[in-house]
N, C-alpha and C. Protein backbone atom coordinates (compact mmCIF):
# COMPACT_ATOMS: atom_id res chain seq x y z
N UNK A 1 18.62 -8.51 -1.13
CA UNK A 1 17.45 -9.20 -1.17
C UNK A 1 17.72 -9.97 -2.41
N UNK A 2 17.05 -11.49 -2.40
CA UNK A 2 16.64 -12.03 -3.23
C UNK A 2 16.25 -11.55 -4.33
N UNK A 3 16.08 -11.84 -5.88
CA UNK A 3 14.98 -11.56 -6.36
C UNK A 3 13.56 -12.68 -7.04
N UNK A 4 12.84 -12.42 -7.22
CA UNK A 4 11.78 -13.10 -7.57
C UNK A 4 11.21 -13.71 -6.51
N UNK A 5 11.58 -12.72 -5.14
CA UNK A 5 11.04 -13.47 -4.16
C UNK A 5 9.05 -12.32 -3.56
N UNK A 6 8.25 -13.17 -2.87
CA UNK A 6 7.39 -12.23 -2.25
C UNK A 6 8.18 -11.72 -1.35
N UNK A 7 7.69 -10.20 -0.56
CA UNK A 7 8.20 -9.82 0.71
C UNK A 7 7.47 -9.17 0.84
N UNK A 8 6.80 -9.42 2.37
CA UNK A 8 6.36 -8.53 3.94
C UNK A 8 7.19 -7.14 4.15
N UNK A 9 6.66 -5.55 4.34
CA UNK A 9 7.46 -5.10 4.34
C UNK A 9 6.20 -3.34 5.13
N UNK A 10 6.87 -3.62 6.75
CA UNK A 10 6.35 -3.26 7.19
C UNK A 10 6.15 -1.42 7.23
N UNK A 11 4.20 -0.54 6.51
CA UNK A 11 4.82 0.08 5.42
C UNK A 11 5.21 2.27 6.76
N UNK A 12 5.16 1.85 7.72
CA UNK A 12 5.17 2.77 9.09
C UNK A 12 7.32 2.60 8.84
N UNK A 13 7.66 1.61 8.44
CA UNK A 13 9.22 1.22 9.19
C UNK A 13 9.94 1.37 7.74
N UNK A 14 9.33 0.52 7.03
CA UNK A 14 10.39 0.17 5.96
C UNK A 14 10.84 -1.47 6.18
N UNK A 15 10.58 -2.48 7.45
CA UNK A 15 11.15 -3.55 7.70
C UNK A 15 10.66 -4.25 7.53
N UNK A 16 11.75 -5.42 7.48
CA UNK A 16 11.37 -6.41 6.12
C UNK A 16 10.19 -7.20 7.37
N UNK A 17 9.64 -7.78 7.30
CA UNK A 17 9.33 -9.20 8.10
C UNK A 17 9.66 -10.14 7.46
N UNK A 18 9.61 -10.44 6.35
CA UNK A 18 9.43 -12.18 5.83
C UNK A 18 9.49 -12.11 4.27
N UNK A 19 10.27 -13.03 3.70
CA UNK A 19 10.43 -13.13 2.40
C UNK A 19 10.81 -14.42 2.44
N UNK A 20 10.00 -14.57 1.00
CA UNK A 20 9.38 -15.74 0.30
C UNK A 20 9.81 -16.56 -1.00
N UNK A 21 10.23 -17.27 -1.36
CA UNK A 21 10.50 -18.13 -2.91
C UNK A 21 9.41 -17.35 -3.74
N UNK A 22 8.11 -18.52 -3.14
CA UNK A 22 6.70 -18.40 -3.43
C UNK A 22 6.55 -18.90 -4.94
N UNK A 23 6.31 -18.23 -6.03
CA UNK A 23 6.07 -18.35 -7.17
C UNK A 23 7.03 -17.65 -8.05
N UNK A 24 7.92 -17.07 -8.12
CA UNK A 24 8.03 -16.41 -8.33
C UNK A 24 7.70 -14.68 -8.93
N UNK A 25 8.66 -14.12 -10.17
CA UNK A 25 7.65 -13.55 -10.15
C UNK A 25 6.49 -13.67 -10.70
N UNK A 26 5.45 -12.36 -11.38
CA UNK A 26 4.13 -12.75 -11.58
C UNK A 26 2.85 -11.61 -11.48
N UNK A 27 1.99 -12.12 -11.35
CA UNK A 27 1.48 -11.30 -10.96
C UNK A 27 0.02 -10.76 -9.37
N UNK A 28 -0.25 -9.91 -8.59
CA UNK A 28 -1.02 -10.54 -7.68
C UNK A 28 -2.28 -10.22 -7.29
N UNK A 29 -3.08 -10.41 -6.66
CA UNK A 29 -4.30 -9.74 -6.31
C UNK A 29 -4.82 -9.82 -5.02
N UNK A 30 -5.65 -9.54 -4.23
CA UNK A 30 -5.57 -10.08 -3.34
C UNK A 30 -7.50 -9.60 -1.78
N UNK A 31 -7.87 -10.62 -1.81
CA UNK A 31 -9.20 -10.06 -1.30
C UNK A 31 -9.34 -11.67 0.34
N UNK A 32 -9.84 -10.80 0.73
CA UNK A 32 -10.51 -11.84 2.42
C UNK A 32 -9.33 -12.42 2.32
N UNK A 33 -8.17 -11.76 2.70
CA UNK A 33 -7.65 -11.81 3.66
C UNK A 33 -6.31 -13.21 2.75
N UNK A 34 -6.56 -13.18 1.79
CA UNK A 34 -5.51 -14.07 0.62
C UNK A 34 -5.07 -13.05 -0.55
N UNK A 35 -3.74 -13.51 -0.53
CA UNK A 35 -2.89 -13.42 -2.02
C UNK A 35 -3.46 -13.97 -2.93
N UNK A 36 -3.88 -13.61 -4.14
CA UNK A 36 -3.75 -13.86 -5.12
C UNK A 36 -2.42 -15.18 -5.79
N UNK A 37 -2.00 -14.79 -6.31
CA UNK A 37 -0.49 -15.50 -7.19
C UNK A 37 -0.69 -16.50 -8.17
N UNK A 38 -0.34 -15.88 -9.24
CA UNK A 38 -0.36 -15.67 -11.03
C UNK A 38 1.10 -16.20 -11.16
N UNK A 39 1.45 -17.54 -11.78
CA UNK A 39 3.79 -16.52 -11.45
C UNK A 39 3.46 -16.76 -13.26
N UNK A 40 4.67 -17.03 -13.31
CA UNK A 40 5.21 -15.96 -15.09
C UNK A 40 4.80 -17.43 -15.64
N UNK A 41 4.81 -18.34 -15.22
CA UNK A 41 4.39 -20.06 -15.38
C UNK A 41 3.77 -20.67 -15.56
N UNK A 42 2.50 -19.78 -15.57
CA UNK A 42 1.06 -20.49 -15.14
C UNK A 42 0.56 -20.28 -14.37
N UNK A 43 1.47 -20.77 -12.68
CA UNK A 43 1.21 -21.65 -11.58
C UNK A 43 0.29 -20.21 -10.50
N UNK A 44 -1.43 -21.13 -10.48
CA UNK A 44 -1.60 -20.36 -8.97
C UNK A 44 -1.40 -20.71 -7.31
N UNK A 45 -1.28 -19.57 -7.23
CA UNK A 45 -0.78 -19.71 -5.78
C UNK A 45 -1.84 -19.27 -4.56
N UNK A 46 -2.03 -19.41 -4.03
CA UNK A 46 -2.99 -18.66 -2.96
C UNK A 46 -2.59 -18.72 -1.48
N UNK A 47 -2.53 -17.45 -1.20
CA UNK A 47 -0.93 -16.98 0.28
C UNK A 47 -1.93 -16.47 1.45
N UNK A 48 -1.95 -16.84 2.48
CA UNK A 48 -2.91 -16.13 3.15
C UNK A 48 -1.98 -15.09 3.29
N UNK A 49 -2.18 -13.82 3.37
CA UNK A 49 -1.69 -12.31 4.25
C UNK A 49 -1.40 -12.48 5.83
N UNK A 50 -0.39 -12.08 5.70
CA UNK A 50 0.06 -12.22 7.29
C UNK A 50 1.24 -11.69 7.82
N UNK A 51 1.63 -10.25 9.02
CA UNK A 51 3.07 -9.86 8.66
C UNK A 51 3.59 -11.12 9.98
N UNK A 52 3.00 -12.07 10.35
CA UNK A 52 3.72 -13.02 10.93
C UNK A 52 4.63 -13.73 10.19
N UNK A 53 4.08 -14.14 8.78
CA UNK A 53 4.90 -15.72 8.37
C UNK A 53 4.25 -15.74 6.52
N UNK A 54 5.09 -16.14 5.59
CA UNK A 54 4.24 -17.06 3.96
C UNK A 54 4.04 -18.46 4.96
N UNK A 55 2.61 -18.02 4.31
CA UNK A 55 1.52 -19.09 4.86
C UNK A 55 1.47 -19.25 3.16
N UNK A 56 1.16 -19.69 2.56
CA UNK A 56 0.88 -20.70 1.14
C UNK A 56 0.22 -22.04 1.70
N UNK A 57 -0.93 -21.69 1.52
CA UNK A 57 -2.38 -21.89 1.68
C UNK A 57 -2.52 -23.44 0.29
N UNK A 58 -2.44 -23.41 -0.86
CA UNK A 58 -1.68 -23.86 -2.23
C UNK A 58 -1.49 -24.03 -3.45
N UNK A 59 -1.95 -24.63 -4.38
CA UNK A 59 -0.77 -24.31 -5.00
C UNK A 59 -1.03 -24.97 -6.13
N UNK A 60 -1.11 -24.54 -8.10
CA UNK A 60 -1.59 -25.81 -8.80
C UNK A 60 -1.14 -25.28 -9.82
N UNK A 61 -0.97 -25.22 -11.01
CA UNK A 61 -1.18 -25.95 -12.37
C UNK A 61 -2.34 -26.22 -13.08
N UNK A 62 -3.31 -24.30 -13.52
CA UNK A 62 -4.38 -25.07 -14.63
C UNK A 62 -4.14 -26.48 -15.43
N UNK A 63 -5.60 -26.86 -15.21
CA UNK A 63 -5.08 -27.61 -16.62
C UNK A 63 -5.69 -26.83 -17.70
N UNK A 64 -4.71 -27.94 -18.45
CA UNK A 64 -4.73 -27.27 -20.48
C UNK A 64 -3.52 -26.47 -20.76
N UNK A 65 -3.10 -26.27 -20.29
CA UNK A 65 -2.09 -24.71 -20.22
C UNK A 65 -1.77 -24.56 -21.74
N UNK A 66 -2.42 -23.00 -22.31
CA UNK A 66 -1.58 -23.10 -23.44
C UNK A 66 0.04 -22.94 -24.29
N UNK A 67 -0.05 -23.39 -24.89
CA UNK A 67 1.04 -23.29 -25.41
C UNK A 67 2.63 -21.61 -25.61
N UNK A 68 3.35 -21.95 -25.60
CA UNK A 68 3.69 -20.33 -25.09
C UNK A 68 5.35 -20.87 -26.05
N UNK A 69 4.61 -19.78 -27.23
CA UNK A 69 5.53 -18.83 -28.31
C UNK A 69 7.13 -18.54 -27.29
N UNK A 70 8.37 -18.42 -28.39
CA UNK A 70 9.81 -18.46 -28.12
C UNK A 70 9.99 -17.05 -28.38
N UNK A 71 9.87 -15.25 -27.39
CA UNK A 71 10.28 -15.14 -28.05
C UNK A 71 11.80 -14.27 -27.84
N UNK A 72 12.27 -14.83 -28.67
CA UNK A 72 14.37 -15.07 -29.18
C UNK A 72 14.29 -16.19 -28.00
N UNK A 73 15.50 -15.86 -26.73
CA UNK A 73 15.19 -17.30 -26.37
C UNK A 73 14.79 -17.30 -25.61
N UNK A 74 13.65 -16.48 -25.21
CA UNK A 74 12.96 -16.24 -24.04
C UNK A 74 11.12 -17.16 -24.18
N UNK A 75 10.45 -18.16 -23.34
CA UNK A 75 9.34 -18.78 -24.10
C UNK A 75 7.75 -16.80 -23.06
N UNK A 76 6.93 -17.05 -24.32
CA UNK A 76 6.71 -15.98 -23.31
C UNK A 76 5.99 -15.98 -22.00
N UNK A 77 5.77 -15.28 -21.11
CA UNK A 77 5.14 -16.00 -19.95
C UNK A 77 3.40 -15.24 -19.48
N UNK A 78 2.99 -15.67 -18.37
CA UNK A 78 2.20 -15.47 -18.20
C UNK A 78 2.64 -13.37 -17.33
N UNK A 79 1.32 -12.39 -17.70
CA UNK A 79 2.13 -11.47 -17.00
C UNK A 79 0.01 -10.96 -16.66
N UNK A 80 -0.44 -11.92 -16.64
CA UNK A 80 -2.08 -11.48 -16.10
C UNK A 80 -2.64 -11.83 -14.82
N UNK A 81 -3.34 -10.49 -14.41
CA UNK A 81 -3.67 -10.16 -12.88
C UNK A 81 -4.65 -11.23 -12.91
N UNK A 82 -4.31 -11.91 -11.51
CA UNK A 82 -6.01 -12.23 -11.33
C UNK A 82 -7.24 -11.90 -11.12
N UNK A 83 -8.29 -12.59 -11.41
CA UNK A 83 -9.54 -11.32 -10.60
C UNK A 83 -10.67 -11.86 -9.84
N UNK A 84 -10.43 -11.47 -9.78
CA UNK A 84 -11.76 -11.98 -8.12
C UNK A 84 -13.03 -11.41 -8.53
N UNK A 85 -13.86 -11.78 -9.17
CA UNK A 85 -15.24 -11.63 -8.79
C UNK A 85 -16.65 -12.50 -8.51
N UNK A 86 -17.50 -11.77 -7.59
CA UNK A 86 -18.14 -12.73 -7.34
C UNK A 86 -18.33 -13.96 -6.85
N UNK A 87 -17.87 -13.95 -5.80
CA UNK A 87 -16.86 -15.07 -6.03
C UNK A 87 -15.99 -16.84 -6.60
N UNK A 88 -16.00 -15.78 -7.27
CA UNK A 88 -15.57 -17.08 -8.36
C UNK A 88 -13.71 -16.04 -8.88
N UNK A 89 -12.85 -17.43 -8.89
CA UNK A 89 -11.77 -16.70 -9.47
C UNK A 89 -11.50 -16.82 -10.75
N UNK A 90 -10.95 -15.42 -11.50
CA UNK A 90 -10.61 -15.38 -13.41
C UNK A 90 -9.12 -16.06 -13.00
N UNK A 91 -8.49 -16.57 -13.69
CA UNK A 91 -6.72 -16.49 -14.60
C UNK A 91 -7.07 -16.80 -16.46
N UNK A 92 -6.29 -15.92 -16.17
CA UNK A 92 -6.28 -15.66 -17.71
C UNK A 92 -4.69 -15.56 -18.04
N UNK A 93 -4.61 -16.71 -19.21
CA UNK A 93 -3.11 -16.84 -19.48
C UNK A 93 -3.08 -17.07 -21.34
N UNK A 94 -2.54 -16.23 -22.04
CA UNK A 94 -2.51 -16.26 -23.42
C UNK A 94 -4.13 -17.10 -24.63
N UNK A 95 -4.89 -16.56 -24.27
CA UNK A 95 -6.47 -16.23 -24.63
C UNK A 95 -6.65 -18.05 -23.84
N UNK A 96 -6.38 -17.48 -22.82
CA UNK A 96 -6.83 -19.48 -22.18
C UNK A 96 -7.33 -18.81 -20.85
N UNK A 97 -9.29 -18.56 -20.67
CA UNK A 97 -9.57 -18.37 -19.41
C UNK A 97 -10.01 -19.63 -18.29
N UNK A 98 -9.09 -19.76 -17.18
CA UNK A 98 -10.71 -20.34 -16.12
C UNK A 98 -10.72 -19.81 -15.37
N UNK A 99 -11.71 -20.76 -14.54
CA UNK A 99 -12.43 -19.46 -13.53
C UNK A 99 -12.92 -20.52 -12.99
N UNK A 100 -12.59 -20.61 -11.53
CA UNK A 100 -12.76 -21.18 -10.02
C UNK A 100 -13.57 -20.70 -9.39
N UNK A 101 -13.99 -21.78 -8.78
CA UNK A 101 -15.28 -20.47 -7.52
C UNK A 101 -14.61 -21.28 -5.74
N UNK A 102 -14.01 -19.84 -5.89
CA UNK A 102 -13.66 -19.74 -4.62
C UNK A 102 -14.64 -19.19 -3.43
N UNK A 103 -16.12 -18.73 -3.51
CA UNK A 103 -16.71 -19.03 -2.09
C UNK A 103 -16.44 -19.57 -0.98
N UNK A 104 -16.26 -18.92 0.05
CA UNK A 104 -16.41 -19.62 1.70
C UNK A 104 -18.02 -20.21 1.78
N UNK A 105 -17.96 -21.41 2.01
CA UNK A 105 -19.09 -22.43 3.05
C UNK A 105 -19.79 -21.12 3.93
N UNK A 106 -20.50 -20.68 3.71
CA UNK A 106 -21.79 -20.19 4.57
C UNK A 106 -22.48 -20.79 5.73
């Protein structure tokens, strides 16, 4: 299995249903049938959570990304989990906080 892949596994059998490169390593949150992914490079993706296949519905890089310091030969990475509360998606990265309205039209 390749590194930095999103993998769907059948819980009862351990059978891998699908794998996708997605946004690489990072953090995830789940709400309303979707995974909200925050990649270590700062990118954000919305993925429909389904056992059939990987279905990315959108991806973006938040505006005004913070400056990433170098830690030895490597840049800082975004590891903070996305937070979903009261119809908003919160993304935090190195002292910067973005809030997005994700309420479904009713």
